[in-house]
Each structure stands twice: as C-alpha cells, then as structure tokens.
Amino acid sequence: MKKRKIIIPLILFLSFYFGNAQLIMIDDETGEFRYEEVVRAEGLSSAEIKSRAMAWLGNYYTEIDSMQIDSNSIKQLNIFHFNWKLIRKDIKVNLFFDLKIIAKDNRYKYDFNNFKVGKLVNGTVDGMDLKTYIDRFPTDYQILIEEPIDNEMTTAIESLIYFVSNNKMEPTEDNW
C-alpha cells in the first residue's frame, strides 16, 4: 500500500515534467540545438573510424552536398523531411543540418548542429534557424515539432554508433 502512495504521485509528476520538457538537445554555451558526444571505439584507428563514418553517411543520408573531408574529420550537409500536425493542418518541414565527425584513435566525436528549416536554392540552404522557427508557434505545439526531430537524431546516432562498431548497418526486421 505504501508503494502505491509513492508511485502514483511520482508517475503523475514525471508525466507532467516530461510532457512539458523540451526534447531537442540545447548547447549550454551557444543556446543552439546540438547533438554531440565523444564515443569510445576501442581497437579502431582514426583512419578506420573515418572510413566507417563516411560509409555510414553514404548509406544513411542522401547526399545533398559533397562531404568535406580533411585529415581527421568529415562534414556533410544533410536533410530530414517530416510532417507535423498544427491543429488540423499537416505541415511539411525540410530540416537541414550539418553533421561533423572527428576521428581519433579509439574514439570519435559526432556533432549534429546548425539546424535550419527551409529549402535548398542553388546549392545553398535558404531558411531560418530551427530555434527561431519553433519559437514562432504556441508552446503547446512546440513539442509536436521537436518530437520527430529528436526521434530522427536519436535513431541516426544509434545507427552511427552501431555502424562504426560493427562496420555494417543495424539489422532490420522484415515488415510483412
């Protein structure tokens, strides 16, 4: 009985907290949306990590701009298309972002940043900063924009980590 008295208020508190929480990662220093982390890759050289990261980028995202490659890093402009519902209207969104992967022996750093909503015009992104875009809408609807973005970034990060570790894409289930 005591457990029930503690658990029910805790569940209510957490559901309220997460219901109003912001999903997208925010950089403490710049205030910009950003997903970055250093990942251990024991036994892999920086060249091998970089090679695997390049292969993953070629498999996971459609290239809209050529990769920028230097001695220990790669960078590519990527796009993610999604729809979100504002009241009863579906809004199509093209989210552009940079992904930079820096490789060192036994570790690498991924950095998803520079999120913009817009379109590609003559090879250049014509759009507005994601934070500015989201802030234009009422607070109740902002989570509906953030959720598909956070889901995509989380899935992409998990896929990247799996690919660098195993040198192959994650196995997928057959959809019958």
Protein backbone atom coordinates (compact mmCIF):
# COMPACT_ATOMS: atom_id res chain seq x y z
CA MET A 1 0.00 0.00 0.00
CA LYS A 2 2.85 2.40 0.81
CA LYS A 3 4.42 1.74 -2.57
CA ARG A 4 1.21 2.73 -4.33
CA LYS A 5 1.06 6.01 -2.39
CA ILE A 6 4.57 6.86 -3.57
CA ILE A 7 4.40 5.54 -7.12
CA ILE A 8 1.18 7.22 -8.25
CA PRO A 9 2.27 10.79 -7.36
CA LEU A 10 5.70 10.07 -8.84
CA ILE A 11 4.15 8.92 -12.12
CA LEU A 12 1.92 12.00 -12.23
CA PHE A 13 4.87 14.30 -11.51
CA LEU A 14 7.08 12.68 -14.15
CA SER A 15 4.32 12.68 -16.78
CA PHE A 16 3.79 16.40 -16.16
CA TYR A 17 7.54 17.07 -16.22
CA PHE A 18 8.19 15.14 -19.42
CA GLY A 19 5.01 16.48 -21.00
CA ASN A 20 6.40 20.00 -20.70
CA ALA A 21 10.05 19.16 -21.25
CA GLN A 22 11.97 20.17 -24.30
CA LEU A 23 13.17 17.21 -26.34
CA ILE A 24 15.85 18.66 -28.59
CA MET A 25 19.32 18.98 -27.11
CA ILE A 26 20.48 22.56 -26.49
CA ASP A 27 24.12 23.63 -26.26
CA ASP A 28 24.68 25.34 -22.89
CA GLU A 29 27.18 27.83 -24.29
CA THR A 30 25.50 28.94 -27.53
CA GLY A 31 21.84 28.17 -26.86
CA GLU A 32 21.66 26.42 -30.25
CA PHE A 33 20.20 23.00 -30.90
CA ARG A 34 23.01 20.45 -30.98
CA TYR A 35 23.62 16.74 -30.53
CA GLU A 36 27.25 15.94 -29.78
CA GLU A 37 29.13 13.30 -27.89
CA VAL A 38 32.51 11.58 -27.77
CA VAL A 39 32.15 7.84 -28.33
CA ARG A 40 34.74 5.20 -27.46
CA ALA A 41 35.76 2.88 -30.31
CA GLU A 42 38.35 0.59 -28.75
CA GLY A 43 40.77 -1.03 -31.18
CA LEU A 44 39.90 1.22 -34.14
CA SER A 45 42.35 3.64 -35.69
CA SER A 46 41.27 7.14 -36.65
CA ALA A 47 41.52 6.18 -40.35
CA GLU A 48 39.23 3.17 -39.84
CA ILE A 49 36.71 5.22 -37.86
CA LYS A 50 36.72 7.92 -40.53
CA SER A 51 36.27 5.34 -43.28
CA ARG A 52 33.34 3.72 -41.48
CA ALA A 53 31.75 7.09 -40.73
CA MET A 54 31.98 8.02 -44.42
CA ALA A 55 30.39 4.71 -45.40
CA TRP A 56 27.62 5.24 -42.85
CA LEU A 57 26.90 8.75 -44.15
CA GLY A 58 26.64 7.37 -47.69
CA ASN A 59 24.18 4.70 -46.55
CA TYR A 60 22.09 6.67 -44.07
CA TYR A 61 21.61 10.10 -45.61
CA THR A 62 21.05 11.11 -49.20
CA GLU A 63 23.92 13.34 -50.22
CA ILE A 64 22.72 16.86 -50.99
CA ASP A 65 26.15 18.41 -50.69
CA SER A 66 29.50 16.71 -51.10
CA MET A 67 31.37 15.64 -47.98
CA GLN A 68 34.07 17.94 -46.75
CA ILE A 69 36.98 15.74 -45.76
CA ASP A 70 40.22 16.62 -44.02
CA SER A 71 42.88 14.57 -42.26
CA ASN A 72 40.78 13.51 -39.26
CA SER A 73 37.20 14.66 -39.87
CA ILE A 74 34.30 14.64 -42.28
CA LYS A 75 31.42 17.07 -42.55
CA GLN A 76 28.25 16.91 -44.61
CA LEU A 77 25.07 18.93 -45.00
CA ASN A 78 22.05 16.64 -44.55
CA ILE A 79 18.28 16.89 -44.80
CA PHE A 80 15.43 15.31 -42.87
CA HIS A 81 11.85 15.59 -44.18
CA PHE A 82 8.95 15.24 -41.76
CA ASN A 83 5.35 16.29 -41.23
CA TRP A 84 3.85 17.64 -38.06
CA LYS A 85 0.27 18.49 -37.32
CA LEU A 86 -0.70 22.01 -36.25
CA ILE A 87 -4.30 21.75 -35.06
CA ARG A 88 -5.75 20.02 -38.17
CA LYS A 89 -3.21 21.00 -40.78
CA ASP A 90 -0.22 18.86 -41.76
CA ILE A 91 2.89 20.99 -42.22
CA LYS A 92 5.75 19.60 -44.30
CA VAL A 93 9.15 20.52 -42.94
CA ASN A 94 12.58 20.25 -44.54
CA LEU A 95 15.17 20.27 -41.78
CA PHE A 96 18.76 20.88 -42.85
CA PHE A 97 21.67 20.27 -40.53
CA ASP A 98 25.42 19.76 -40.54
CA LEU A 99 26.97 16.57 -39.27
CA LYS A 100 30.64 16.60 -38.42
CA ILE A 101 32.52 13.51 -37.27
CA ILE A 102 36.03 13.91 -35.88
CA ALA A 103 38.04 10.72 -35.57
CA LYS A 104 40.95 9.92 -33.28
CA ASP A 105 42.43 6.56 -32.41
CA ASN A 106 39.97 4.62 -30.23
CA ARG A 107 37.33 7.39 -30.18
CA TYR A 108 35.35 9.82 -32.29
CA LYS A 109 33.06 12.79 -31.79
CA TYR A 110 29.84 13.34 -33.69
CA ASP A 111 28.29 16.79 -33.85
CA PHE A 112 24.83 17.39 -35.34
CA ASN A 113 24.40 21.17 -35.48
CA ASN A 114 23.34 24.22 -37.49
CA PHE A 115 19.68 23.12 -37.74
CA LYS A 116 17.69 25.17 -40.25
CA VAL A 117 14.18 24.88 -41.67
CA GLY A 118 13.82 25.88 -45.30
CA LYS A 119 14.68 24.79 -48.78
CA LEU A 120 17.75 24.29 -50.94
CA VAL A 121 18.24 27.03 -53.54
CA ASN A 122 21.19 26.74 -55.93
CA GLY A 123 23.07 24.51 -53.51
CA THR A 124 22.57 26.86 -50.55
CA VAL A 125 20.11 26.44 -47.70
CA ASP A 126 17.53 29.23 -47.71
CA GLY A 127 15.83 29.09 -44.35
CA MET A 128 15.65 30.11 -40.74
CA ASP A 129 17.28 28.78 -37.62
CA LEU A 130 15.29 25.90 -36.07
CA LYS A 131 15.02 27.63 -32.70
CA THR A 132 13.51 30.73 -34.34
CA TYR A 133 11.14 28.53 -36.34
CA ILE A 134 9.92 26.63 -33.27
CA ASP A 135 9.53 29.76 -31.14
CA ARG A 136 7.01 31.14 -33.66
CA PHE A 137 4.41 28.61 -32.56
CA PRO A 138 2.42 28.35 -29.32
CA THR A 139 4.20 26.41 -26.57
CA ASP A 140 1.64 23.59 -26.67
CA TYR A 141 2.57 22.78 -30.28
CA GLN A 142 6.35 23.10 -29.98
CA ILE A 143 6.73 19.58 -28.61
CA LEU A 144 4.98 18.27 -31.74
CA ILE A 145 7.75 19.80 -33.86
CA GLU A 146 10.53 18.66 -31.57
CA GLU A 147 9.42 15.04 -31.24
CA PRO A 148 10.09 13.85 -34.83
CA ILE A 149 13.42 15.71 -34.86
CA ASP A 150 14.56 14.17 -31.60
CA ASN A 151 13.43 10.71 -32.76
CA GLU A 152 15.39 11.07 -36.02
CA MET A 153 18.54 12.35 -34.32
CA THR A 154 18.41 9.60 -31.70
CA THR A 155 17.91 6.92 -34.38
CA ALA A 156 20.72 8.35 -36.51
CA ILE A 157 23.11 8.46 -33.55
CA GLU A 158 22.32 4.86 -32.58
CA SER A 159 22.82 3.78 -36.20
CA LEU A 160 26.15 5.64 -36.46
CA ILE A 161 27.47 4.11 -33.24
CA TYR A 162 26.40 0.62 -34.35
CA PHE A 163 27.92 1.06 -37.81
CA VAL A 164 31.28 2.32 -36.54
CA SER A 165 31.46 -0.55 -34.05
CA ASN A 166 30.31 -3.33 -36.41
CA ASN A 167 31.10 -1.97 -39.90
CA LYS A 168 27.54 -2.69 -41.05
CA MET A 169 24.08 -1.20 -40.76
CA GLU A 170 21.81 -2.38 -37.97
CA PRO A 171 19.78 -5.42 -38.91
CA THR A 172 16.21 -4.53 -39.72
CA GLU A 173 13.12 -6.59 -39.12
CA ASP A 174 11.16 -7.81 -42.11
CA ASN A 175 7.88 -5.93 -42.40
CA TRP A 176 5.39 -8.45 -43.69
